[in-house]
Amino acid sequence: MVVQAYILIQTEVGKAANVAATIGQIKGVTLAEDVTGPYDVIVRAEARTVDELGKLVVAKIQAVEGITRTLTCPVVHL
């Protein structure tokens, strides 16, 4: 079973489309879309473990130019 999460991203003004396109190419990202509202990009990602998911977010996603803040929301199955 994989660990899945939604990552809510705020970007610099005018950078949402570029950020979404760049993140969409990262291995482990299954969806990256620019949206309106308090967040600029919503990403769905998956990894084998919580640790791998954390590394994906910190090392790969947060390294994308134009991102100012991220919020990671792991998917739970109740």
C-alpha atoms as a PDB file:
ATOM      1  CA  MET A   1       0.000   0.000   0.000  1.00  0.00           C
ATOM      2  CA  VAL A   2       1.329   3.444  -0.899  1.00  0.00           C
ATOM      3  CA  VAL A   3       1.164   6.638   1.123  1.00  0.00           C
ATOM      4  CA  GLN A   4      -0.713   9.393  -0.681  1.00  0.00           C
ATOM      5  CA  ALA A   5      -1.010  13.090   0.069  1.00  0.00           C
ATOM      6  CA  TYR A   6      -2.313  16.345  -1.285  1.00  0.00           C
ATOM      7  CA  ILE A   7       0.197  19.174  -1.192  1.00  0.00           C
ATOM      8  CA  LEU A   8      -1.297  22.661  -1.170  1.00  0.00           C
ATOM      9  CA  ILE A   9       1.121  25.229  -2.551  1.00  0.00           C
ATOM     10  CA  GLN A  10       1.332  29.001  -2.480  1.00  0.00           C
ATOM     11  CA  THR A  11       3.505  30.607  -5.145  1.00  0.00           C
ATOM     12  CA  GLU A  12       4.913  33.960  -6.065  1.00  0.00           C
ATOM     13  CA  VAL A  13       2.492  36.077  -8.095  1.00  0.00           C
ATOM     14  CA  GLY A  14       2.236  34.849 -11.683  1.00  0.00           C
ATOM     15  CA  LYS A  15       4.213  31.640 -11.085  1.00  0.00           C
ATOM     16  CA  ALA A  16       1.401  29.098 -10.496  1.00  0.00           C
ATOM     17  CA  ALA A  17       1.247  27.682 -14.027  1.00  0.00           C
ATOM     18  CA  ASN A  18       5.021  27.226 -14.255  1.00  0.00           C
ATOM     19  CA  VAL A  19       5.199  25.676 -10.785  1.00  0.00           C
ATOM     20  CA  ALA A  20       2.383  23.226 -11.596  1.00  0.00           C
ATOM     21  CA  ALA A  21       3.999  22.232 -14.892  1.00  0.00           C
ATOM     22  CA  THR A  22       7.400  21.690 -13.282  1.00  0.00           C
ATOM     23  CA  ILE A  23       6.036  19.706 -10.343  1.00  0.00           C
ATOM     24  CA  GLY A  24       3.925  17.573 -12.682  1.00  0.00           C
ATOM     25  CA  GLN A  25       7.166  16.140 -14.118  1.00  0.00           C
ATOM     26  CA  ILE A  26       8.507  14.957 -10.739  1.00  0.00           C
ATOM     27  CA  LYS A  27       8.471  11.198 -10.118  1.00  0.00           C
ATOM     28  CA  GLY A  28       5.866  10.390  -7.466  1.00  0.00           C
ATOM     29  CA  VAL A  29       3.553  13.242  -8.440  1.00  0.00           C
ATOM     30  CA  THR A  30       0.311  11.933  -9.924  1.00  0.00           C
ATOM     31  CA  LEU A  31      -1.441  15.292 -10.417  1.00  0.00           C
ATOM     32  CA  ALA A  32      -0.427  18.959 -10.320  1.00  0.00           C
ATOM     33  CA  GLU A  33      -2.927  21.677 -11.169  1.00  0.00           C
ATOM     34  CA  ASP A  34      -3.004  25.431 -10.760  1.00  0.00           C
ATOM     35  CA  VAL A  35      -6.166  26.578  -8.995  1.00  0.00           C
ATOM     36  CA  THR A  36      -7.779  29.715  -7.588  1.00  0.00           C
ATOM     37  CA  GLY A  37      -8.322  30.458  -3.914  1.00  0.00           C
ATOM     38  CA  PRO A  38      -5.958  30.626  -0.947  1.00  0.00           C
ATOM     39  CA  TYR A  39      -3.591  28.153  -2.639  1.00  0.00           C
ATOM     40  CA  ASP A  40      -2.201  28.461  -6.149  1.00  0.00           C
ATOM     41  CA  VAL A  41      -1.333  24.833  -6.943  1.00  0.00           C
ATOM     42  CA  ILE A  42      -2.716  21.530  -5.667  1.00  0.00           C
ATOM     43  CA  VAL A  43      -0.594  18.416  -6.055  1.00  0.00           C
ATOM     44  CA  ARG A  44      -1.414  14.766  -5.442  1.00  0.00           C
ATOM     45  CA  ALA A  45       1.638  12.647  -4.721  1.00  0.00           C
ATOM     46  CA  GLU A  46       2.417   9.132  -3.593  1.00  0.00           C
ATOM     47  CA  ALA A  47       5.361   7.238  -2.158  1.00  0.00           C
ATOM     48  CA  ARG A  48       6.065   3.860  -0.587  1.00  0.00           C
ATOM     49  CA  THR A  49       6.523   5.241   2.939  1.00  0.00           C
ATOM     50  CA  VAL A  50       5.851   8.410   4.919  1.00  0.00           C
ATOM     51  CA  ASP A  51       9.597   9.061   5.002  1.00  0.00           C
ATOM     52  CA  GLU A  52       9.833   8.840   1.210  1.00  0.00           C
ATOM     53  CA  LEU A  53       6.857  11.167   0.898  1.00  0.00           C
ATOM     54  CA  GLY A  54       8.552  13.662   3.208  1.00  0.00           C
ATOM     55  CA  LYS A  55      11.745  13.499   1.146  1.00  0.00           C
ATOM     56  CA  LEU A  56       9.739  14.025  -2.037  1.00  0.00           C
ATOM     57  CA  VAL A  57       8.124  17.148  -0.618  1.00  0.00           C
ATOM     58  CA  VAL A  58      11.232  18.649   0.981  1.00  0.00           C
ATOM     59  CA  ALA A  59      13.915  17.688  -1.541  1.00  0.00           C
ATOM     60  CA  LYS A  60      12.005  17.844  -4.813  1.00  0.00           C
ATOM     61  CA  ILE A  61       8.780  19.833  -4.572  1.00  0.00           C
ATOM     62  CA  GLN A  62       9.923  22.609  -2.226  1.00  0.00           C
ATOM     63  CA  ALA A  63      13.021  23.075  -4.384  1.00  0.00           C
ATOM     64  CA  VAL A  64      10.916  24.282  -7.331  1.00  0.00           C
ATOM     65  CA  GLU A  65      11.500  27.963  -8.016  1.00  0.00           C
ATOM     66  CA  GLY A  66       8.519  30.203  -7.265  1.00  0.00           C
ATOM     67  CA  ILE A  67       7.100  28.307  -4.280  1.00  0.00           C
ATOM     68  CA  THR A  68       6.620  30.341  -1.112  1.00  0.00           C
ATOM     69  CA  ARG A  69       4.790  27.852   1.149  1.00  0.00           C
ATOM     70  CA  THR A  70       3.531  24.259   1.157  1.00  0.00           C
ATOM     71  CA  LEU A  71       1.033  22.360   3.278  1.00  0.00           C
ATOM     72  CA  THR A  72       1.086  18.554   3.075  1.00  0.00           C
ATOM     73  CA  CYS A  73      -2.177  16.713   3.791  1.00  0.00           C
ATOM     74  CA  PRO A  74      -1.739  12.922   3.963  1.00  0.00           C
ATOM     75  CA  VAL A  75      -4.680  10.845   2.764  1.00  0.00           C
ATOM     76  CA  VAL A  76      -6.202   8.634   5.473  1.00  0.00           C
ATOM     77  CA  HIS A  77      -8.623   5.769   5.030  1.00  0.00           C
ATOM     78  CA  LEU A  78     -11.018   5.675   7.978  1.00  0.00           C
END
